[in-house]
PDB file of N, CA and C in Angstrom:
ATOM      1  N   MET A   1     145.558 161.888 162.975  1.00  0.00           N
ATOM      2  CA  MET A   1     145.204 160.580 163.825  1.00  0.00           C
ATOM      3  C   MET A   1     146.036 159.801 164.397  1.00  0.00           C
ATOM      4  N   ALA A   2     145.504 159.263 165.119  1.00  0.00           N
ATOM      5  CA  ALA A   2     146.629 157.666 165.429  1.00  0.00           C
ATOM      6  C   ALA A   2     145.433 156.823 165.700  1.00  0.00           C
ATOM      7  N   LYS A   3     146.448 155.479 165.645  1.00  0.00           N
ATOM      8  CA  LYS A   3     146.094 154.667 165.402  1.00  0.00           C
ATOM      9  C   LYS A   3     145.730 153.443 166.945  1.00  0.00           C
ATOM     10  N   ASP A   4     144.895 153.147 167.375  1.00  0.00           N
ATOM     11  CA  ASP A   4     144.477 152.337 168.635  1.00  0.00           C
ATOM     12  C   ASP A   4     145.253 150.999 167.791  1.00  0.00           C
ATOM     13  N   LEU A   5     146.668 150.752 168.550  1.00  0.00           N
ATOM     14  CA  LEU A   5     146.789 149.320 167.924  1.00  0.00           C
ATOM     15  C   LEU A   5     146.378 147.840 168.625  1.00  0.00           C
ATOM     16  N   VAL A   6     145.421 147.757 169.362  1.00  0.00           N
ATOM     17  CA  VAL A   6     144.666 147.028 169.767  1.00  0.00           C
ATOM     18  C   VAL A   6     143.573 146.248 168.625  1.00  0.00           C
ATOM     19  N   CYS A   7     143.147 147.913 168.619  1.00  0.00           N
ATOM     20  CA  CYS A   7     141.175 147.219 167.035  1.00  0.00           C
ATOM     21  C   CYS A   7     141.889 147.959 166.064  1.00  0.00           C
ATOM     22  N   ASN A   8     143.049 148.865 165.656  1.00  0.00           N
ATOM     23  CA  ASN A   8     143.199 149.049 164.591  1.00  0.00           C
ATOM     24  C   ASN A   8     142.421 150.724 164.286  1.00  0.00           C
ATOM     25  N   MET A   9     141.537 151.057 165.180  1.00  0.00           N
ATOM     26  CA  MET A   9     140.894 151.972 164.764  1.00  0.00           C
ATOM     27  C   MET A   9     141.745 153.028 164.916  1.00  0.00           C
ATOM     28  N   GLU A  10     140.801 154.252 163.933  1.00  0.00           N
ATOM     29  CA  GLU A  10     141.787 155.627 164.022  1.00  0.00           C
ATOM     30  C   GLU A  10     140.972 156.655 165.120  1.00  0.00           C
ATOM     31  N   VAL A  11     141.933 157.246 166.071  1.00  0.00           N
ATOM     32  CA  VAL A  11     141.503 157.889 167.280  1.00  0.00           C
ATOM     33  C   VAL A  11     142.329 159.166 166.864  1.00  0.00           C
ATOM     34  N   ASP A  12     141.475 160.453 167.181  1.00  0.00           N
ATOM     35  CA  ASP A  12     142.055 162.112 167.273  1.00  0.00           C
ATOM     36  C   ASP A  12     142.855 162.047 168.650  1.00  0.00           C
ATOM     37  N   GLU A  13     144.106 162.499 168.381  1.00  0.00           N
ATOM     38  CA  GLU A  13     144.861 162.615 169.729  1.00  0.00           C
ATOM     39  C   GLU A  13     144.520 163.816 170.180  1.00  0.00           C
ATOM     40  N   LYS A  14     143.831 164.758 169.843  1.00  0.00           N
ATOM     41  CA  LYS A  14     143.047 165.803 170.747  1.00  0.00           C
ATOM     42  C   LYS A  14     141.761 165.559 171.481  1.00  0.00           C
ATOM     43  N   THR A  15     141.561 164.235 171.132  1.00  0.00           N
ATOM     44  CA  THR A  15     139.990 164.259 172.013  1.00  0.00           C
ATOM     45  C   THR A  15     140.342 162.817 172.340  1.00  0.00           C
ATOM     46  N   ALA A  16     141.063 162.237 172.299  1.00  0.00           N
ATOM     47  CA  ALA A  16     141.105 160.747 173.081  1.00  0.00           C
ATOM     48  C   ALA A  16     140.950 160.884 174.488  1.00  0.00           C
ATOM     49  N   LYS A  17     140.303 159.969 175.086  1.00  0.00           N
ATOM     50  CA  LYS A  17     140.022 159.793 176.502  1.00  0.00           C
ATOM     51  C   LYS A  17     141.166 158.882 177.144  1.00  0.00           C
ATOM     52  N   TRP A  18     141.528 158.097 176.539  1.00  0.00           N
ATOM     53  CA  TRP A  18     142.521 157.062 176.659  1.00  0.00           C
ATOM     54  C   TRP A  18     143.513 156.958 176.088  1.00  0.00           C
ATOM     55  N   THR A  19     144.809 157.197 177.113  1.00  0.00           N
ATOM     56  CA  THR A  19     145.751 157.230 176.730  1.00  0.00           C
ATOM     57  C   THR A  19     146.963 156.408 177.345  1.00  0.00           C
ATOM     58  N   THR A  20     148.148 156.079 176.998  1.00  0.00           N
ATOM     59  CA  THR A  20     148.853 155.448 178.114  1.00  0.00           C
ATOM     60  C   THR A  20     150.142 155.618 177.628  1.00  0.00           C
ATOM     61  N   THR A  21     151.434 155.910 178.183  1.00  0.00           N
ATOM     62  CA  THR A  21     152.994 156.294 177.639  1.00  0.00           C
ATOM     63  C   THR A  21     153.649 154.658 177.836  1.00  0.00           C
ATOM     64  N   TYR A  22     154.259 154.214 177.278  1.00  0.00           N
ATOM     65  CA  TYR A  22     155.441 152.894 176.970  1.00  0.00           C
ATOM     66  C   TYR A  22     156.496 153.163 176.259  1.00  0.00           C
ATOM     67  N   GLN A  23     157.324 153.191 176.809  1.00  0.00           N
ATOM     68  CA  GLN A  23     158.673 153.514 176.657  1.00  0.00           C
ATOM     69  C   GLN A  23     158.756 154.779 175.856  1.00  0.00           C
ATOM     70  N   GLY A  24     158.603 155.927 176.540  1.00  0.00           N
ATOM     71  CA  GLY A  24     158.299 157.273 176.436  1.00  0.00           C
ATOM     72  C   GLY A  24     157.581 157.726 174.814  1.00  0.00           C
ATOM     73  N   LYS A  25     156.352 156.930 174.707  1.00  0.00           N
ATOM     74  CA  LYS A  25     155.898 157.236 173.742  1.00  0.00           C
ATOM     75  C   LYS A  25     154.200 157.250 173.569  1.00  0.00           C
ATOM     76  N   VAL A  26     153.726 158.525 173.800  1.00  0.00           N
ATOM     77  CA  VAL A  26     151.887 158.109 173.635  1.00  0.00           C
ATOM     78  C   VAL A  26     151.165 157.270 172.845  1.00  0.00           C
ATOM     79  N   TYR A  27     150.233 156.303 173.411  1.00  0.00           N
ATOM     80  CA  TYR A  27     149.510 155.070 172.863  1.00  0.00           C
ATOM     81  C   TYR A  27     148.216 155.878 172.904  1.00  0.00           C
ATOM     82  N   TYR A  28     147.313 155.802 172.198  1.00  0.00           N
ATOM     83  CA  TYR A  28     145.849 156.355 172.075  1.00  0.00           C
ATOM     84  C   TYR A  28     144.833 155.360 171.726  1.00  0.00           C
ATOM     85  N   PHE A  29     143.693 155.402 172.498  1.00  0.00           N
ATOM     86  CA  PHE A  29     142.850 153.801 172.417  1.00  0.00           C
ATOM     87  C   PHE A  29     141.427 154.442 172.306  1.00  0.00           C
ATOM     88  N   CYS A  30     140.636 153.806 171.838  1.00  0.00           N
ATOM     89  CA  CYS A  30     139.156 154.479 170.889  1.00  0.00           C
ATOM     90  C   CYS A  30     137.897 153.801 172.692  1.00  0.00           C
ATOM     91  N   ALA A  31     138.888 153.238 173.633  1.00  0.00           N
ATOM     92  CA  ALA A  31     137.759 152.633 174.519  1.00  0.00           C
ATOM     93  C   ALA A  31     138.847 152.147 175.287  1.00  0.00           C
ATOM     94  N   PRO A  32     138.016 151.838 176.891  1.00  0.00           N
ATOM     95  CA  PRO A  32     139.345 151.746 178.034  1.00  0.00           C
ATOM     96  C   PRO A  32     139.578 150.265 177.920  1.00  0.00           C
ATOM     97  N   GLY A  33     138.872 149.356 177.203  1.00  0.00           N
ATOM     98  CA  GLY A  33     139.089 148.189 176.751  1.00  0.00           C
ATOM     99  C   GLY A  33     140.334 147.846 176.603  1.00  0.00           C
ATOM    100  N   CYS A  34     140.282 148.379 175.132  1.00  0.00           N
ATOM    101  CA  CYS A  34     141.274 148.626 174.299  1.00  0.00           C
ATOM    102  C   CYS A  34     142.900 149.427 175.071  1.00  0.00           C
ATOM    103  N   LYS A  35     142.557 150.460 175.894  1.00  0.00           N
ATOM    104  CA  LYS A  35     143.967 150.414 176.551  1.00  0.00           C
ATOM    105  C   LYS A  35     143.841 149.500 177.793  1.00  0.00           C
ATOM    106  N   LYS A  36     143.260 148.602 178.304  1.00  0.00           N
ATOM    107  CA  LYS A  36     143.624 147.883 179.454  1.00  0.00           C
ATOM    108  C   LYS A  36     144.088 146.488 178.994  1.00  0.00           C
ATOM    109  N   SER A  37     144.104 146.324 177.534  1.00  0.00           N
ATOM    110  CA  SER A  37     144.643 144.628 176.910  1.00  0.00           C
ATOM    111  C   SER A  37     145.855 145.455 176.332  1.00  0.00           C
ATOM    112  N   PHE A  38     146.335 146.879 175.977  1.00  0.00           N
ATOM    113  CA  PHE A  38     147.287 147.109 175.472  1.00  0.00           C
ATOM    114  C   PHE A  38     148.504 147.102 176.835  1.00  0.00           C
ATOM    115  N   ASP A  39     148.058 147.889 177.945  1.00  0.00           N
ATOM    116  CA  ASP A  39     148.384 147.925 179.648  1.00  0.00           C
ATOM    117  C   ASP A  39     148.966 146.614 179.758  1.00  0.00           C
ATOM    118  N   SER A  40     148.171 145.768 179.930  1.00  0.00           N
ATOM    119  CA  SER A  40     148.278 144.103 180.376  1.00  0.00           C
ATOM    120  C   SER A  40     150.015 143.592 179.789  1.00  0.00           C
ATOM    121  N   ASN A  41     149.862 143.867 178.273  1.00  0.00           N
ATOM    122  CA  ASN A  41     150.929 143.518 177.276  1.00  0.00           C
ATOM    123  C   ASN A  41     151.499 144.405 176.060  1.00  0.00           C
ATOM    124  N   PRO A  42     151.920 145.345 176.529  1.00  0.00           N
ATOM    125  CA  PRO A  42     152.169 146.014 175.443  1.00  0.00           C
ATOM    126  C   PRO A  42     153.277 145.926 174.329  1.00  0.00           C
ATOM    127  N   GLN A  43     153.928 144.383 174.579  1.00  0.00           N
ATOM    128  CA  GLN A  43     154.885 144.252 173.638  1.00  0.00           C
ATOM    129  C   GLN A  43     154.210 143.941 172.402  1.00  0.00           C
ATOM    130  N   LYS A  44     152.741 142.855 173.300  1.00  0.00           N
ATOM    131  CA  LYS A  44     152.119 142.253 171.574  1.00  0.00           C
ATOM    132  C   LYS A  44     151.717 143.307 170.794  1.00  0.00           C
ATOM    133  N   TYR A  45     151.525 144.449 171.107  1.00  0.00           N
ATOM    134  CA  TYR A  45     151.208 145.693 169.655  1.00  0.00           C
ATOM    135  C   TYR A  45     152.209 146.515 169.962  1.00  0.00           C
ATOM    136  N   VAL A  46     152.961 146.491 170.308  1.00  0.00           N
ATOM    137  CA  VAL A  46     154.268 146.946 169.872  1.00  0.00           C
ATOM    138  C   VAL A  46     154.763 146.898 168.614  1.00  0.00           C
ATOM    139  N   GLY A  47     154.913 145.516 168.552  1.00  0.00           N
ATOM    140  CA  GLY A  47     155.640 144.842 167.267  1.00  0.00           C
ATOM    141  C   GLY A  47     154.508 144.774 166.244  1.00  0.00           C
ATOM    142  N   GLY A  48     153.417 145.612 166.155  1.00  0.00           N
ATOM    143  CA  GLY A  48     152.972 145.853 165.047  1.00  0.00           C
ATOM    144  C   GLY A  48     151.884 144.695 164.936  1.00  0.00           C
ATOM    145  N   HIS A  49     151.497 143.573 165.595  1.00  0.00           N
ATOM    146  CA  HIS A  49     151.112 142.651 165.600  1.00  0.00           C
ATOM    147  C   HIS A  49     149.666 143.021 166.446  1.00  0.00           C
ATOM    148  N   SER A  50     148.281 142.893 165.877  1.00  0.00           N
ATOM    149  CA  SER A  50     147.322 142.977 166.456  1.00  0.00           C
ATOM    150  C   SER A  50     146.901 141.968 166.696  1.00  0.00           C
ATOM    151  N   SER A  51     145.697 141.808 168.328  1.00  0.00           N
ATOM    152  CA  SER A  51     144.935 140.785 168.112  1.00  0.00           C
ATOM    153  C   SER A  51     143.696 140.327 167.388  1.00  0.00           C
ATOM    154  N   GLY A  52     143.250 141.378 166.647  1.00  0.00           N
ATOM    155  CA  GLY A  52     142.148 141.399 165.732  1.00  0.00           C
ATOM    156  C   GLY A  52     140.790 141.499 166.287  1.00  0.00           C
ATOM    157  N   ARG A  53     140.081 142.625 165.538  1.00  0.00           N
ATOM    158  CA  ARG A  53     139.356 142.933 165.743  1.00  0.00           C
ATOM    159  C   ARG A  53     138.207 142.075 166.549  1.00  0.00           C
ATOM    160  N   ALA A  54     137.765 140.990 166.380  1.00  0.00           N
ATOM    161  CA  ALA A  54     136.867 139.926 166.976  1.00  0.00           C
ATOM    162  C   ALA A  54     137.358 139.296 168.164  1.00  0.00           C
ATOM    163  N   GLU A  55     138.388 139.579 168.708  1.00  0.00           N
ATOM    164  CA  GLU A  55     139.068 139.336 169.889  1.00  0.00           C
ATOM    165  C   GLU A  55     139.520 140.083 170.571  1.00  0.00           C
ATOM    166  N   HIS A  56     139.692 141.491 170.391  1.00  0.00           N
ATOM    167  CA  HIS A  56     139.989 142.447 171.483  1.00  0.00           C
ATOM    168  C   HIS A  56     138.927 142.502 172.588  1.00  0.00           C
ATOM    169  N   GLY A  57     138.041 142.359 172.220  1.00  0.00           N
ATOM    170  CA  GLY A  57     136.971 143.047 173.683  1.00  0.00           C
ATOM    171  C   GLY A  57     136.758 144.305 174.065  1.00  0.00           C
ATOM    172  N   CYS A  58     136.958 145.376 173.077  1.00  0.00           N
ATOM    173  CA  CYS A  58     137.356 146.781 174.183  1.00  0.00           C
ATOM    174  C   CYS A  58     136.058 147.388 174.485  1.00  0.00           C
ATOM    175  N   GLY A  59     134.830 147.024 174.243  1.00  0.00           N
ATOM    176  CA  GLY A  59     133.723 147.339 174.768  1.00  0.00           C
ATOM    177  C   GLY A  59     133.832 148.871 173.939  1.00  0.00           C
ATOM    178  N   CYS A  60     133.811 148.979 173.092  1.00  0.00           N
ATOM    179  CA  CYS A  60     133.649 150.285 172.330  1.00  0.00           C
ATOM    180  C   CYS A  60     132.482 150.233 171.804  1.00  0.00           C
ATOM    181  N   GLY A  61     131.407 149.190 172.054  1.00  0.00           N
ATOM    182  CA  GLY A  61     129.909 149.433 171.341  1.00  0.00           C
ATOM    183  C   GLY A  61     129.821 149.210 169.971  1.00  0.00           C
ATOM    184  N   GLY A  62     130.930 148.370 169.468  1.00  0.00           N
ATOM    185  CA  GLY A  62     130.881 147.525 168.384  1.00  0.00           C
ATOM    186  C   GLY A  62     131.480 148.917 167.470  1.00  0.00           C
ATOM    187  N   HIS A  63     131.698 149.608 167.397  1.00  0.00           N
ATOM    188  CA  HIS A  63     131.788 150.638 166.324  1.00  0.00           C
ATOM    189  C   HIS A  63     133.514 150.452 165.794  1.00  0.00           C
ATOM    190  N   CYS A  64     134.403 149.356 166.238  1.00  0.00           N
ATOM    191  CA  CYS A  64     135.667 149.495 165.685  1.00  0.00           C
ATOM    192  C   CYS A  64     135.519 147.939 165.335  1.00  0.00           C
TER     193      CYS A  64
END
């Protein structure tokens, strides 16, 4: 399992619908909103700092 760096949710790499590649590494996301947040500012998340679950607004339906 991979961690969605935006919301810290566990994401199965085999079934993930939303991914992006940044600096040669693939990142996995639980929802399109988390991918969009990451894509707009990857440095914010790659450094290990999350924006926090209450703030990210990933549109995942509240499961993360």
